[in-house]
Amino acid sequence: MFTLAQARHLVATLRPRIDELIALRADLAELRADLAGGAESPLGGRAEVKALEARIYAIIEELGGHDIEVKGVAPLLLDFAGEREGRPVLWCWLEGDDDVRWYHRLECGFPGRRPA
């Protein structure tokens, strides 16, 4: 269980890895688009696709090792189990946010997000 402060601290601490995952995801999308269109890519070929996928998967596993739930990759959505006012919640960080600014009750999901 994370407090809001702990979730915020963990996002700040892991920010380089989070940013790396976002950059790798963009490279993978571009590489796949080039290859699907039959064009050569400055990013490589099929071997580089597999390497990028492996690096992305490793970062997702690393985040999971910190008890962070990766709910989406495009955009990147991270949830941290916590409690607010005696109820279980998930503190949410969405790609583009500079901090953990949202939460939702477990049974409400993303549509139930509220400012933290």
PDB file of N, CA and C in Angstrom:
ATOM      1  N   MET A   1       0.843  -1.181   0.000  1.00  0.00           N
ATOM      2  CA  MET A   1       0.000   0.000   0.000  1.00  0.00           C
ATOM      3  C   MET A   1       0.888   1.244   0.000  1.00  0.00           C
ATOM      4  N   PHE A   2       0.541   2.162  -0.850  1.00  0.00           N
ATOM      5  CA  PHE A   2       1.280   3.414  -0.967  1.00  0.00           C
ATOM      6  C   PHE A   2       0.457   4.564  -0.398  1.00  0.00           C
ATOM      7  N   THR A   3       1.132   5.480   0.253  1.00  0.00           N
ATOM      8  CA  THR A   3       0.505   6.763   0.526  1.00  0.00           C
ATOM      9  C   THR A   3       0.672   7.595  -0.749  1.00  0.00           C
ATOM     10  N   LEU A   4      -0.052   8.687  -0.837  1.00  0.00           N
ATOM     11  CA  LEU A   4       0.103   9.564  -1.996  1.00  0.00           C
ATOM     12  C   LEU A   4       1.539  10.066  -2.083  1.00  0.00           C
ATOM     13  N   ALA A   5       2.111  10.439  -0.952  1.00  0.00           N
ATOM     14  CA  ALA A   5       3.496  10.927  -0.933  1.00  0.00           C
ATOM     15  C   ALA A   5       4.468   9.858  -1.429  1.00  0.00           C
ATOM     16  N   GLN A   6       4.257   8.615  -1.017  1.00  0.00           N
ATOM     17  CA  GLN A   6       5.134   7.529  -1.464  1.00  0.00           C
ATOM     18  C   GLN A   6       5.007   7.299  -2.965  1.00  0.00           C
ATOM     19  N   ALA A   7       3.794   7.336  -3.487  1.00  0.00           N
ATOM     20  CA  ALA A   7       3.592   7.157  -4.927  1.00  0.00           C
ATOM     21  C   ALA A   7       4.282   8.272  -5.696  1.00  0.00           C
ATOM     22  N   ARG A   8       4.137   9.497  -5.206  1.00  0.00           N
ATOM     23  CA  ARG A   8       4.793  10.636  -5.867  1.00  0.00           C
ATOM     24  C   ARG A   8       6.307  10.492  -5.835  1.00  0.00           C
ATOM     25  N   HIS A   9       6.834  10.073  -4.700  1.00  0.00           N
ATOM     26  CA  HIS A   9       8.285   9.888  -4.576  1.00  0.00           C
ATOM     27  C   HIS A   9       8.786   8.800  -5.532  1.00  0.00           C
ATOM     28  N   LEU A  10       8.045   7.721  -5.631  1.00  0.00           N
ATOM     29  CA  LEU A  10       8.466   6.622  -6.497  1.00  0.00           C
ATOM     30  C   LEU A  10       8.447   7.033  -7.968  1.00  0.00           C
ATOM     31  N   VAL A  11       7.434   7.785  -8.383  1.00  0.00           N
ATOM     32  CA  VAL A  11       7.403   8.276  -9.765  1.00  0.00           C
ATOM     33  C   VAL A  11       8.609   9.172 -10.019  1.00  0.00           C
ATOM     34  N   ALA A  12       8.903  10.054  -9.090  1.00  0.00           N
ATOM     35  CA  ALA A  12      10.065  10.942  -9.259  1.00  0.00           C
ATOM     36  C   ALA A  12      11.357  10.144  -9.330  1.00  0.00           C
ATOM     37  N   THR A  13      11.493   9.144  -8.482  1.00  0.00           N
ATOM     38  CA  THR A  13      12.699   8.318  -8.447  1.00  0.00           C
ATOM     39  C   THR A  13      12.859   7.509  -9.732  1.00  0.00           C
ATOM     40  N   LEU A  14      11.756   6.960 -10.215  1.00  0.00           N
ATOM     41  CA  LEU A  14      11.804   6.107 -11.406  1.00  0.00           C
ATOM     42  C   LEU A  14      11.601   6.876 -12.712  1.00  0.00           C
ATOM     43  N   ARG A  15      11.539   8.177 -12.643  1.00  0.00           N
ATOM     44  CA  ARG A  15      11.253   8.978 -13.840  1.00  0.00           C
ATOM     45  C   ARG A  15      12.194   8.690 -15.009  1.00  0.00           C
ATOM     46  N   PRO A  16      13.494   8.506 -14.796  1.00  0.00           N
ATOM     47  CA  PRO A  16      14.353   8.172 -15.937  1.00  0.00           C
ATOM     48  C   PRO A  16      13.926   6.875 -16.641  1.00  0.00           C
ATOM     49  N   ARG A  17      13.540   5.870 -15.890  1.00  0.00           N
ATOM     50  CA  ARG A  17      13.091   4.599 -16.494  1.00  0.00           C
ATOM     51  C   ARG A  17      11.745   4.774 -17.188  1.00  0.00           C
ATOM     52  N   ILE A  18      10.854   5.562 -16.596  1.00  0.00           N
ATOM     53  CA  ILE A  18       9.559   5.843 -17.202  1.00  0.00           C
ATOM     54  C   ILE A  18       9.759   6.569 -18.528  1.00  0.00           C
ATOM     55  N   ASP A  19      10.614   7.578 -18.527  1.00  0.00           N
ATOM     56  CA  ASP A  19      10.898   8.325 -19.760  1.00  0.00           C
ATOM     57  C   ASP A  19      11.550   7.428 -20.810  1.00  0.00           C
ATOM     58  N   GLU A  20      12.404   6.524 -20.369  1.00  0.00           N
ATOM     59  CA  GLU A  20      13.033   5.577 -21.294  1.00  0.00           C
ATOM     60  C   GLU A  20      11.981   4.676 -21.933  1.00  0.00           C
ATOM     61  N   LEU A  21      11.039   4.193 -21.146  1.00  0.00           N
ATOM     62  CA  LEU A  21       9.980   3.348 -21.684  1.00  0.00           C
ATOM     63  C   LEU A  21       9.183   4.105 -22.749  1.00  0.00           C
ATOM     64  N   ILE A  22       8.864   5.364 -22.494  1.00  0.00           N
ATOM     65  CA  ILE A  22       8.106   6.169 -23.453  1.00  0.00           C
ATOM     66  C   ILE A  22       8.901   6.359 -24.742  1.00  0.00           C
ATOM     67  N   ALA A  23      10.193   6.613 -24.629  1.00  0.00           N
ATOM     68  CA  ALA A  23      11.038   6.784 -25.814  1.00  0.00           C
ATOM     69  C   ALA A  23      11.160   5.481 -26.604  1.00  0.00           C
ATOM     70  N   LEU A  24      11.330   4.371 -25.902  1.00  0.00           N
ATOM     71  CA  LEU A  24      11.422   3.065 -26.567  1.00  0.00           C
ATOM     72  C   LEU A  24      10.122   2.732 -27.293  1.00  0.00           C
ATOM     73  N   ARG A  25       9.001   3.048 -26.660  1.00  0.00           N
ATOM     74  CA  ARG A  25       7.697   2.808 -27.272  1.00  0.00           C
ATOM     75  C   ARG A  25       7.565   3.589 -28.582  1.00  0.00           C
ATOM     76  N   ALA A  26       8.010   4.838 -28.578  1.00  0.00           N
ATOM     77  CA  ALA A  26       7.962   5.662 -29.787  1.00  0.00           C
ATOM     78  C   ALA A  26       8.866   5.095 -30.882  1.00  0.00           C
ATOM     79  N   ASP A  27      10.074   4.681 -30.502  1.00  0.00           N
ATOM     80  CA  ASP A  27      10.984   4.066 -31.473  1.00  0.00           C
ATOM     81  C   ASP A  27      10.370   2.807 -32.067  1.00  0.00           C
ATOM     82  N   LEU A  28       9.754   1.984 -31.226  1.00  0.00           N
ATOM     83  CA  LEU A  28       9.146   0.748 -31.702  1.00  0.00           C
ATOM     84  C   LEU A  28       7.999   1.037 -32.671  1.00  0.00           C
ATOM     85  N   ALA A  29       7.182   2.016 -32.363  1.00  0.00           N
ATOM     86  CA  ALA A  29       6.066   2.371 -33.245  1.00  0.00           C
ATOM     87  C   ALA A  29       6.585   2.846 -34.597  1.00  0.00           C
ATOM     88  N   GLU A  30       7.611   3.673 -34.578  1.00  0.00           N
ATOM     89  CA  GLU A  30       8.184   4.187 -35.821  1.00  0.00           C
ATOM     90  C   GLU A  30       8.829   3.063 -36.639  1.00  0.00           C
ATOM     91  N   LEU A  31       9.575   2.216 -35.971  1.00  0.00           N
ATOM     92  CA  LEU A  31      10.226   1.103 -36.650  1.00  0.00           C
ATOM     93  C   LEU A  31       9.196   0.174 -37.278  1.00  0.00           C
ATOM     94  N   ARG A  32       8.158  -0.157 -36.530  1.00  0.00           N
ATOM     95  CA  ARG A  32       7.104  -1.027 -37.078  1.00  0.00           C
ATOM     96  C   ARG A  32       6.417  -0.383 -38.276  1.00  0.00           C
ATOM     97  N   ALA A  33       6.161   0.920 -38.208  1.00  0.00           N
ATOM     98  CA  ALA A  33       5.519   1.617 -39.324  1.00  0.00           C
ATOM     99  C   ALA A  33       6.409   1.575 -40.564  1.00  0.00           C
ATOM    100  N   ASP A  34       7.697   1.819 -40.386  1.00  0.00           N
ATOM    101  CA  ASP A  34       8.627   1.760 -41.523  1.00  0.00           C
ATOM    102  C   ASP A  34       8.641   0.369 -42.141  1.00  0.00           C
ATOM    103  N   LEU A  35       8.757  -0.649 -41.309  1.00  0.00           N
ATOM    104  CA  LEU A  35       8.834  -2.017 -41.814  1.00  0.00           C
ATOM    105  C   LEU A  35       7.519  -2.448 -42.471  1.00  0.00           C
ATOM    106  N   ALA A  36       6.400  -2.039 -41.908  1.00  0.00           N
ATOM    107  CA  ALA A  36       5.098  -2.394 -42.488  1.00  0.00           C
ATOM    108  C   ALA A  36       4.911  -1.742 -43.854  1.00  0.00           C
ATOM    109  N   GLY A  37       5.493  -0.572 -44.029  1.00  0.00           N
ATOM    110  CA  GLY A  37       5.391   0.130 -45.301  1.00  0.00           C
ATOM    111  C   GLY A  37       6.430  -0.315 -46.318  1.00  0.00           C
ATOM    112  N   GLY A  38       7.249  -1.257 -45.929  1.00  0.00           N
ATOM    113  CA  GLY A  38       8.269  -1.772 -46.837  1.00  0.00           C
ATOM    114  C   GLY A  38       9.502  -0.888 -46.942  1.00  0.00           C
ATOM    115  N   ALA A  39       9.568   0.134 -46.119  1.00  0.00           N
ATOM    116  CA  ALA A  39      10.712   1.045 -46.169  1.00  0.00           C
ATOM    117  C   ALA A  39      11.812   0.567 -45.228  1.00  0.00           C
ATOM    118  N   GLU A  40      13.015   0.990 -45.537  1.00  0.00           N
ATOM    119  CA  GLU A  40      14.107   0.760 -44.597  1.00  0.00           C
ATOM    120  C   GLU A  40      13.971   1.787 -43.481  1.00  0.00           C
ATOM    121  N   SER A  41      14.446   1.429 -42.326  1.00  0.00           N
ATOM    122  CA  SER A  41      14.340   2.323 -41.184  1.00  0.00           C
ATOM    123  C   SER A  41      15.715   2.599 -40.612  1.00  0.00           C
ATOM    124  N   PRO A  42      15.961   3.843 -40.250  1.00  0.00           N
ATOM    125  CA  PRO A  42      17.232   4.129 -39.576  1.00  0.00           C
ATOM    126  C   PRO A  42      17.294   3.475 -38.200  1.00  0.00           C
ATOM    127  N   LEU A  43      16.152   2.982 -37.734  1.00  0.00           N
ATOM    128  CA  LEU A  43      16.104   2.323 -36.432  1.00  0.00           C
ATOM    129  C   LEU A  43      16.431   0.839 -36.510  1.00  0.00           C
ATOM    130  N   GLY A  44      16.541   0.292 -37.720  1.00  0.00           N
ATOM    131  CA  GLY A  44      16.920  -1.105 -37.866  1.00  0.00           C
ATOM    132  C   GLY A  44      15.883  -1.939 -38.576  1.00  0.00           C
ATOM    133  N   GLY A  45      15.858  -3.222 -38.199  1.00  0.00           N
ATOM    134  CA  GLY A  45      14.961  -4.176 -38.837  1.00  0.00           C
ATOM    135  C   GLY A  45      14.261  -5.027 -37.795  1.00  0.00           C
ATOM    136  N   ARG A  46      13.937  -6.256 -38.191  1.00  0.00           N
ATOM    137  CA  ARG A  46      13.177  -7.147 -37.299  1.00  0.00           C
ATOM    138  C   ARG A  46      13.910  -7.459 -35.998  1.00  0.00           C
ATOM    139  N   ALA A  47      15.216  -7.596 -36.065  1.00  0.00           N
ATOM    140  CA  ALA A  47      15.974  -7.888 -34.839  1.00  0.00           C
ATOM    141  C   ALA A  47      15.844  -6.735 -33.842  1.00  0.00           C
ATOM    142  N   GLU A  48      15.837  -5.517 -34.356  1.00  0.00           N
ATOM    143  CA  GLU A  48      15.709  -4.355 -33.473  1.00  0.00           C
ATOM    144  C   GLU A  48      14.294  -4.253 -32.890  1.00  0.00           C
ATOM    145  N   VAL A  49      13.297  -4.713 -33.651  1.00  0.00           N
ATOM    146  CA  VAL A  49      11.932  -4.775 -33.110  1.00  0.00           C
ATOM    147  C   VAL A  49      11.928  -5.659 -31.870  1.00  0.00           C
ATOM    148  N   LYS A  50      12.489  -6.838 -31.985  1.00  0.00           N
ATOM    149  CA  LYS A  50      12.526  -7.773 -30.858  1.00  0.00           C
ATOM    150  C   LYS A  50      13.319  -7.192 -29.683  1.00  0.00           C
ATOM    151  N   ALA A  51      14.420  -6.509 -29.977  1.00  0.00           N
ATOM    152  CA  ALA A  51      15.235  -5.918 -28.918  1.00  0.00           C
ATOM    153  C   ALA A  51      14.471  -4.811 -28.196  1.00  0.00           C
ATOM    154  N   LEU A  52      13.765  -3.966 -28.955  1.00  0.00           N
ATOM    155  CA  LEU A  52      12.968  -2.906 -28.337  1.00  0.00           C
ATOM    156  C   LEU A  52      11.844  -3.491 -27.492  1.00  0.00           C
ATOM    157  N   GLU A  53      11.173  -4.516 -28.011  1.00  0.00           N
ATOM    158  CA  GLU A  53      10.110  -5.172 -27.240  1.00  0.00           C
ATOM    159  C   GLU A  53      10.662  -5.733 -25.934  1.00  0.00           C
ATOM    160  N   ALA A  54      11.831  -6.340 -25.989  1.00  0.00           N
ATOM    161  CA  ALA A  54      12.437  -6.921 -24.789  1.00  0.00           C
ATOM    162  C   ALA A  54      12.793  -5.839 -23.773  1.00  0.00           C
ATOM    163  N   ARG A  55      13.312  -4.720 -24.248  1.00  0.00           N
ATOM    164  CA  ARG A  55      13.670  -3.630 -23.329  1.00  0.00           C
ATOM    165  C   ARG A  55      12.426  -3.026 -22.684  1.00  0.00           C
ATOM    166  N   ILE A  56      11.361  -2.878 -23.460  1.00  0.00           N
ATOM    167  CA  ILE A  56      10.100  -2.351 -22.919  1.00  0.00           C
ATOM    168  C   ILE A  56       9.555  -3.310 -21.866  1.00  0.00           C
ATOM    169  N   TYR A  57       9.533  -4.591 -22.193  1.00  0.00           N
ATOM    170  CA  TYR A  57       9.032  -5.597 -21.261  1.00  0.00           C
ATOM    171  C   TYR A  57       9.850  -5.588 -19.963  1.00  0.00           C
ATOM    172  N   ALA A  58      11.165  -5.424 -20.067  1.00  0.00           N
ATOM    173  CA  ALA A  58      12.020  -5.407 -18.873  1.00  0.00           C
ATOM    174  C   ALA A  58      11.682  -4.223 -17.972  1.00  0.00           C
ATOM    175  N   ILE A  59      11.415  -3.075 -18.557  1.00  0.00           N
ATOM    176  CA  ILE A  59      11.060  -1.907 -17.744  1.00  0.00           C
ATOM    177  C   ILE A  59       9.694  -2.114 -17.090  1.00  0.00           C
ATOM    178  N   ILE A  60       8.747  -2.680 -17.824  1.00  0.00           N
ATOM    179  CA  ILE A  60       7.431  -2.965 -17.245  1.00  0.00           C
ATOM    180  C   ILE A  60       7.566  -3.929 -16.073  1.00  0.00           C
ATOM    181  N   GLU A  61       8.400  -4.942 -16.234  1.00  0.00           N
ATOM    182  CA  GLU A  61       8.650  -5.877 -15.121  1.00  0.00           C
ATOM    183  C   GLU A  61       9.307  -5.171 -13.939  1.00  0.00           C
ATOM    184  N   GLU A  62      10.239  -4.291 -14.232  1.00  0.00           N
ATOM    185  CA  GLU A  62      10.904  -3.537 -13.163  1.00  0.00           C
ATOM    186  C   GLU A  62       9.890  -2.697 -12.389  1.00  0.00           C
ATOM    187  N   LEU A  63       8.992  -2.032 -13.094  1.00  0.00           N
ATOM    188  CA  LEU A  63       7.957  -1.242 -12.428  1.00  0.00           C
ATOM    189  C   LEU A  63       7.076  -2.148 -11.567  1.00  0.00           C
ATOM    190  N   GLY A  64       6.720  -3.306 -12.106  1.00  0.00           N
ATOM    191  CA  GLY A  64       5.935  -4.268 -11.345  1.00  0.00           C
ATOM    192  C   GLY A  64       6.656  -4.728 -10.092  1.00  0.00           C
ATOM    193  N   GLY A  65       7.963  -4.819 -10.156  1.00  0.00           N
ATOM    194  CA  GLY A  65       8.761  -5.195  -9.000  1.00  0.00           C
ATOM    195  C   GLY A  65       8.689  -4.178  -7.871  1.00  0.00           C
ATOM    196  N   HIS A  66       8.255  -2.969  -8.201  1.00  0.00           N
ATOM    197  CA  HIS A  66       8.048  -1.922  -7.190  1.00  0.00           C
ATOM    198  C   HIS A  66       6.581  -1.854  -6.768  1.00  0.00           C
ATOM    199  N   ASP A  67       5.804  -2.870  -7.155  1.00  0.00           N
ATOM    200  CA  ASP A  67       4.364  -2.932  -6.866  1.00  0.00           C
ATOM    201  C   ASP A  67       3.562  -1.857  -7.585  1.00  0.00           C
ATOM    202  N   ILE A  68       4.073  -1.429  -8.731  1.00  0.00           N
ATOM    203  CA  ILE A  68       3.351  -0.484  -9.581  1.00  0.00           C
ATOM    204  C   ILE A  68       2.589  -1.294 -10.615  1.00  0.00           C
ATOM    205  N   GLU A  69       1.312  -0.986 -10.792  1.00  0.00           N
ATOM    206  CA  GLU A  69       0.510  -1.650 -11.810  1.00  0.00           C
ATOM    207  C   GLU A  69       0.582  -0.829 -13.097  1.00  0.00           C
ATOM    208  N   VAL A  70       1.068  -1.449 -14.162  1.00  0.00           N
ATOM    209  CA  VAL A  70       1.087  -0.786 -15.469  1.00  0.00           C
ATOM    210  C   VAL A  70      -0.248  -1.107 -16.131  1.00  0.00           C
ATOM    211  N   LYS A  71      -1.113  -0.111 -16.203  1.00  0.00           N
ATOM    212  CA  LYS A  71      -2.467  -0.320 -16.724  1.00  0.00           C
ATOM    213  C   LYS A  71      -2.568  -0.044 -18.218  1.00  0.00           C
ATOM    214  N   GLY A  72      -1.624   0.701 -18.751  1.00  0.00           N
ATOM    215  CA  GLY A  72      -1.620   1.005 -20.178  1.00  0.00           C
ATOM    216  C   GLY A  72      -0.233   1.434 -20.591  1.00  0.00           C
ATOM    217  N   VAL A  73       0.074   1.224 -21.857  1.00  0.00           N
ATOM    218  CA  VAL A  73       1.403   1.577 -22.354  1.00  0.00           C
ATOM    219  C   VAL A  73       1.335   2.768 -23.309  1.00  0.00           C
ATOM    220  N   ALA A  74       0.223   2.961 -23.979  1.00  0.00           N
ATOM    221  CA  ALA A  74       0.081   4.084 -24.916  1.00  0.00           C
ATOM    222  C   ALA A  74      -1.307   4.689 -24.757  1.00  0.00           C
ATOM    223  N   PRO A  75      -1.476   5.687 -23.949  1.00  0.00           N
ATOM    224  CA  PRO A  75      -0.461   6.339 -23.122  1.00  0.00           C
ATOM    225  C   PRO A  75      -0.110   5.495 -21.893  1.00  0.00           C
ATOM    226  N   LEU A  76       1.037   5.784 -21.339  1.00  0.00           N
ATOM    227  CA  LEU A  76       1.492   5.064 -20.159  1.00  0.00           C
ATOM    228  C   LEU A  76       0.627   5.460 -18.966  1.00  0.00           C
ATOM    229  N   LEU A  77       0.062   4.462 -18.296  1.00  0.00           N
ATOM    230  CA  LEU A  77      -0.798   4.682 -17.136  1.00  0.00           C
ATOM    231  C   LEU A  77      -0.319   3.771 -16.013  1.00  0.00           C
ATOM    232  N   LEU A  78       0.044   4.387 -14.897  1.00  0.00           N
ATOM    233  CA  LEU A  78       0.560   3.648 -13.743  1.00  0.00           C
ATOM    234  C   LEU A  78      -0.370   3.833 -12.551  1.00  0.00           C
ATOM    235  N   ASP A  79      -0.646   2.740 -11.849  1.00  0.00           N
ATOM    236  CA  ASP A  79      -1.472   2.779 -10.648  1.00  0.00           C
ATOM    237  C   ASP A  79      -0.691   2.263  -9.455  1.00  0.00           C
ATOM    238  N   PHE A  80      -0.976   2.845  -8.305  1.00  0.00           N
ATOM    239  CA  PHE A  80      -0.326   2.512  -7.045  1.00  0.00           C
ATOM    240  C   PHE A  80      -1.425   2.227  -6.025  1.00  0.00           C
ATOM    241  N   ALA A  81      -1.478   1.024  -5.502  1.00  0.00           N
ATOM    242  CA  ALA A  81      -2.502   0.676  -4.520  1.00  0.00           C
ATOM    243  C   ALA A  81      -2.309   1.499  -3.253  1.00  0.00           C
ATOM    244  N   GLY A  82      -3.404   2.049  -2.763  1.00  0.00           N
ATOM    245  CA  GLY A  82      -3.339   2.857  -1.554  1.00  0.00           C
ATOM    246  C   GLY A  82      -4.672   2.890  -0.843  1.00  0.00           C
ATOM    247  N   GLU A  83      -4.787   3.873   0.035  1.00  0.00           N
ATOM    248  CA  GLU A  83      -6.012   4.025   0.809  1.00  0.00           C
ATOM    249  C   GLU A  83      -6.277   5.512   0.984  1.00  0.00           C
ATOM    250  N   ARG A  84      -7.538   5.866   0.885  1.00  0.00           N
ATOM    251  CA  ARG A  84      -7.965   7.252   1.094  1.00  0.00           C
ATOM    252  C   ARG A  84      -9.262   7.215   1.876  1.00  0.00           C
ATOM    253  N   GLU A  85      -9.260   7.905   3.001  1.00  0.00           N
ATOM    254  CA  GLU A  85     -10.443   7.984   3.854  1.00  0.00           C
ATOM    255  C   GLU A  85     -10.999   6.597   4.191  1.00  0.00           C
ATOM    256  N   GLY A  86     -10.082   5.647   4.440  1.00  0.00           N
ATOM    257  CA  GLY A  86     -10.471   4.307   4.844  1.00  0.00           C
ATOM    258  C   GLY A  86     -10.919   3.383   3.722  1.00  0.00           C
ATOM    259  N   ARG A  87     -10.859   3.848   2.494  1.00  0.00           N
ATOM    260  CA  ARG A  87     -11.268   3.022   1.342  1.00  0.00           C
ATOM    261  C   ARG A  87     -10.055   2.710   0.480  1.00  0.00           C
ATOM    262  N   PRO A  88     -10.005   1.507  -0.075  1.00  0.00           N
ATOM    263  CA  PRO A  88      -8.920   1.205  -1.008  1.00  0.00           C
ATOM    264  C   PRO A  88      -9.085   2.017  -2.286  1.00  0.00           C
ATOM    265  N   VAL A  89      -7.965   2.573  -2.728  1.00  0.00           N
ATOM    266  CA  VAL A  89      -7.948   3.362  -3.960  1.00  0.00           C
ATOM    267  C   VAL A  89      -6.704   3.007  -4.760  1.00  0.00           C
ATOM    268  N   LEU A  90      -6.660   3.489  -5.970  1.00  0.00           N
ATOM    269  CA  LEU A  90      -5.453   3.440  -6.786  1.00  0.00           C
ATOM    270  C   LEU A  90      -5.056   4.882  -7.084  1.00  0.00           C
ATOM    271  N   TRP A  91      -3.840   5.238  -6.663  1.00  0.00           N
ATOM    272  CA  TRP A  91      -3.265   6.526  -7.035  1.00  0.00           C
ATOM    273  C   TRP A  91      -2.814   6.392  -8.476  1.00  0.00           C
ATOM    274  N   CYS A  92      -3.101   7.374  -9.325  1.00  0.00           N
ATOM    275  CA  CYS A  92      -2.859   7.243 -10.770  1.00  0.00           C
ATOM    276  C   CYS A  92      -1.858   8.270 -11.278  1.00  0.00           C
ATOM    277  N   TRP A  93      -0.975   7.798 -12.124  1.00  0.00           N
ATOM    278  CA  TRP A  93      -0.098   8.678 -12.889  1.00  0.00           C
ATOM    279  C   TRP A  93      -0.338   8.358 -14.353  1.00  0.00           C
ATOM    280  N   LEU A  94      -0.633   9.394 -15.138  1.00  0.00           N
ATOM    281  CA  LEU A  94      -0.880   9.257 -16.563  1.00  0.00           C
ATOM    282  C   LEU A  94       0.201  10.011 -17.317  1.00  0.00           C
ATOM    283  N   GLU A  95       0.715   9.393 -18.367  1.00  0.00           N
ATOM    284  CA  GLU A  95       1.727  10.036 -19.194  1.00  0.00           C
ATOM    285  C   GLU A  95       1.311  11.473 -19.496  1.00  0.00           C
ATOM    286  N   GLY A  96       2.243  12.378 -19.294  1.00  0.00           N
ATOM    287  CA  GLY A  96       1.977  13.795 -19.482  1.00  0.00           C
ATOM    288  C   GLY A  96       1.807  14.522 -18.156  1.00  0.00           C
ATOM    289  N   ASP A  97       1.434  13.780 -17.112  1.00  0.00           N
ATOM    290  CA  ASP A  97       1.333  14.382 -15.777  1.00  0.00           C
ATOM    291  C   ASP A  97       2.735  14.583 -15.223  1.00  0.00           C
ATOM    292  N   ASP A  98       2.936  15.677 -14.490  1.00  0.00           N
ATOM    293  CA  ASP A  98       4.244  15.890 -13.884  1.00  0.00           C
ATOM    294  C   ASP A  98       4.335  15.261 -12.496  1.00  0.00           C
ATOM    295  N   ASP A  99       3.199  14.757 -11.998  1.00  0.00           N
ATOM    296  CA  ASP A  99       3.155  14.184 -10.656  1.00  0.00           C
ATOM    297  C   ASP A  99       1.947  13.250 -10.578  1.00  0.00           C
ATOM    298  N   VAL A 100       1.849  12.493  -9.507  1.00  0.00           N
ATOM    299  CA  VAL A 100       0.663  11.674  -9.257  1.00  0.00           C
ATOM    300  C   VAL A 100      -0.414  12.638  -8.772  1.00  0.00           C
ATOM    301  N   ARG A 101      -1.431  12.845  -9.578  1.00  0.00           N
ATOM    302  CA  ARG A 101      -2.438  13.866  -9.282  1.00  0.00           C
ATOM    303  C   ARG A 101      -3.857  13.322  -9.185  1.00  0.00           C
ATOM    304  N   TRP A 102      -4.041  12.024  -9.375  1.00  0.00           N
ATOM    305  CA  TRP A 102      -5.374  11.445  -9.450  1.00  0.00           C
ATOM    306  C   TRP A 102      -5.478  10.191  -8.600  1.00  0.00           C
ATOM    307  N   TYR A 103      -6.682   9.810  -8.294  1.00  0.00           N
ATOM    308  CA  TYR A 103      -6.958   8.532  -7.652  1.00  0.00           C
ATOM    309  C   TYR A 103      -8.332   8.074  -8.117  1.00  0.00           C
ATOM    310  N   HIS A 104      -8.614   6.803  -7.930  1.00  0.00           N
ATOM    311  CA  HIS A 104      -9.967   6.301  -8.125  1.00  0.00           C
ATOM    312  C   HIS A 104     -10.180   5.102  -7.225  1.00  0.00           C
ATOM    313  N   ARG A 105     -11.428   4.899  -6.852  1.00  0.00           N
ATOM    314  CA  ARG A 105     -11.765   3.709  -6.088  1.00  0.00           C
ATOM    315  C   ARG A 105     -11.572   2.494  -6.984  1.00  0.00           C
ATOM    316  N   LEU A 106     -11.280   1.359  -6.384  1.00  0.00           N
ATOM    317  CA  LEU A 106     -10.985   0.143  -7.147  1.00  0.00           C
ATOM    318  C   LEU A 106     -12.127  -0.224  -8.080  1.00  0.00           C
ATOM    319  N   GLU A 107     -13.351  -0.142  -7.596  1.00  0.00           N
ATOM    320  CA  GLU A 107     -14.490  -0.577  -8.384  1.00  0.00           C
ATOM    321  C   GLU A 107     -14.918   0.446  -9.445  1.00  0.00           C
ATOM    322  N   CYS A 108     -14.335   1.632  -9.448  1.00  0.00           N
ATOM    323  CA  CYS A 108     -14.738   2.666 -10.401  1.00  0.00           C
ATOM    324  C   CYS A 108     -13.835   2.749 -11.632  1.00  0.00           C
ATOM    325  N   GLY A 109     -12.610   2.307 -11.507  1.00  0.00           N
ATOM    326  CA  GLY A 109     -11.691   2.338 -12.645  1.00  0.00           C
ATOM    327  C   GLY A 109     -11.389   3.744 -13.135  1.00  0.00           C
ATOM    328  N   PHE A 110     -10.769   3.808 -14.290  1.00  0.00           N
ATOM    329  CA  PHE A 110     -10.319   5.076 -14.862  1.00  0.00           C
ATOM    330  C   PHE A 110     -11.438   6.115 -14.962  1.00  0.00           C
ATOM    331  N   PRO A 111     -12.669   5.726 -15.350  1.00  0.00           N
ATOM    332  CA  PRO A 111     -13.734   6.740 -15.440  1.00  0.00           C
ATOM    333  C   PRO A 111     -14.046   7.410 -14.105  1.00  0.00           C
ATOM    334  N   GLY A 112     -13.689   6.785 -12.999  1.00  0.00           N
ATOM    335  CA  GLY A 112     -13.959   7.341 -11.679  1.00  0.00           C
ATOM    336  C   GLY A 112     -12.816   8.166 -11.108  1.00  0.00           C
ATOM    337  N   ARG A 113     -11.867   8.545 -11.941  1.00  0.00           N
ATOM    338  CA  ARG A 113     -10.711   9.312 -11.458  1.00  0.00           C
ATOM    339  C   ARG A 113     -11.121  10.660 -10.896  1.00  0.00           C
ATOM    340  N   ARG A 114     -10.467  11.006  -9.814  1.00  0.00           N
ATOM    341  CA  ARG A 114     -10.696  12.303  -9.159  1.00  0.00           C
ATOM    342  C   ARG A 114      -9.341  12.924  -8.800  1.00  0.00           C
ATOM    343  N   PRO A 115      -9.279  14.239  -8.683  1.00  0.00           N
ATOM    344  CA  PRO A 115      -8.022  14.857  -8.254  1.00  0.00           C
ATOM    345  C   PRO A 115      -7.617  14.381  -6.859  1.00  0.00           C
ATOM    346  N   ALA A 116      -6.337  14.147  -6.669  1.00  0.00           N
ATOM    347  CA  ALA A 116      -5.829  13.645  -5.391  1.00  0.00           C
ATOM    348  C   ALA A 116      -5.832  14.732  -4.329  1.00  0.00           C
TER     349      ALA A 116
END
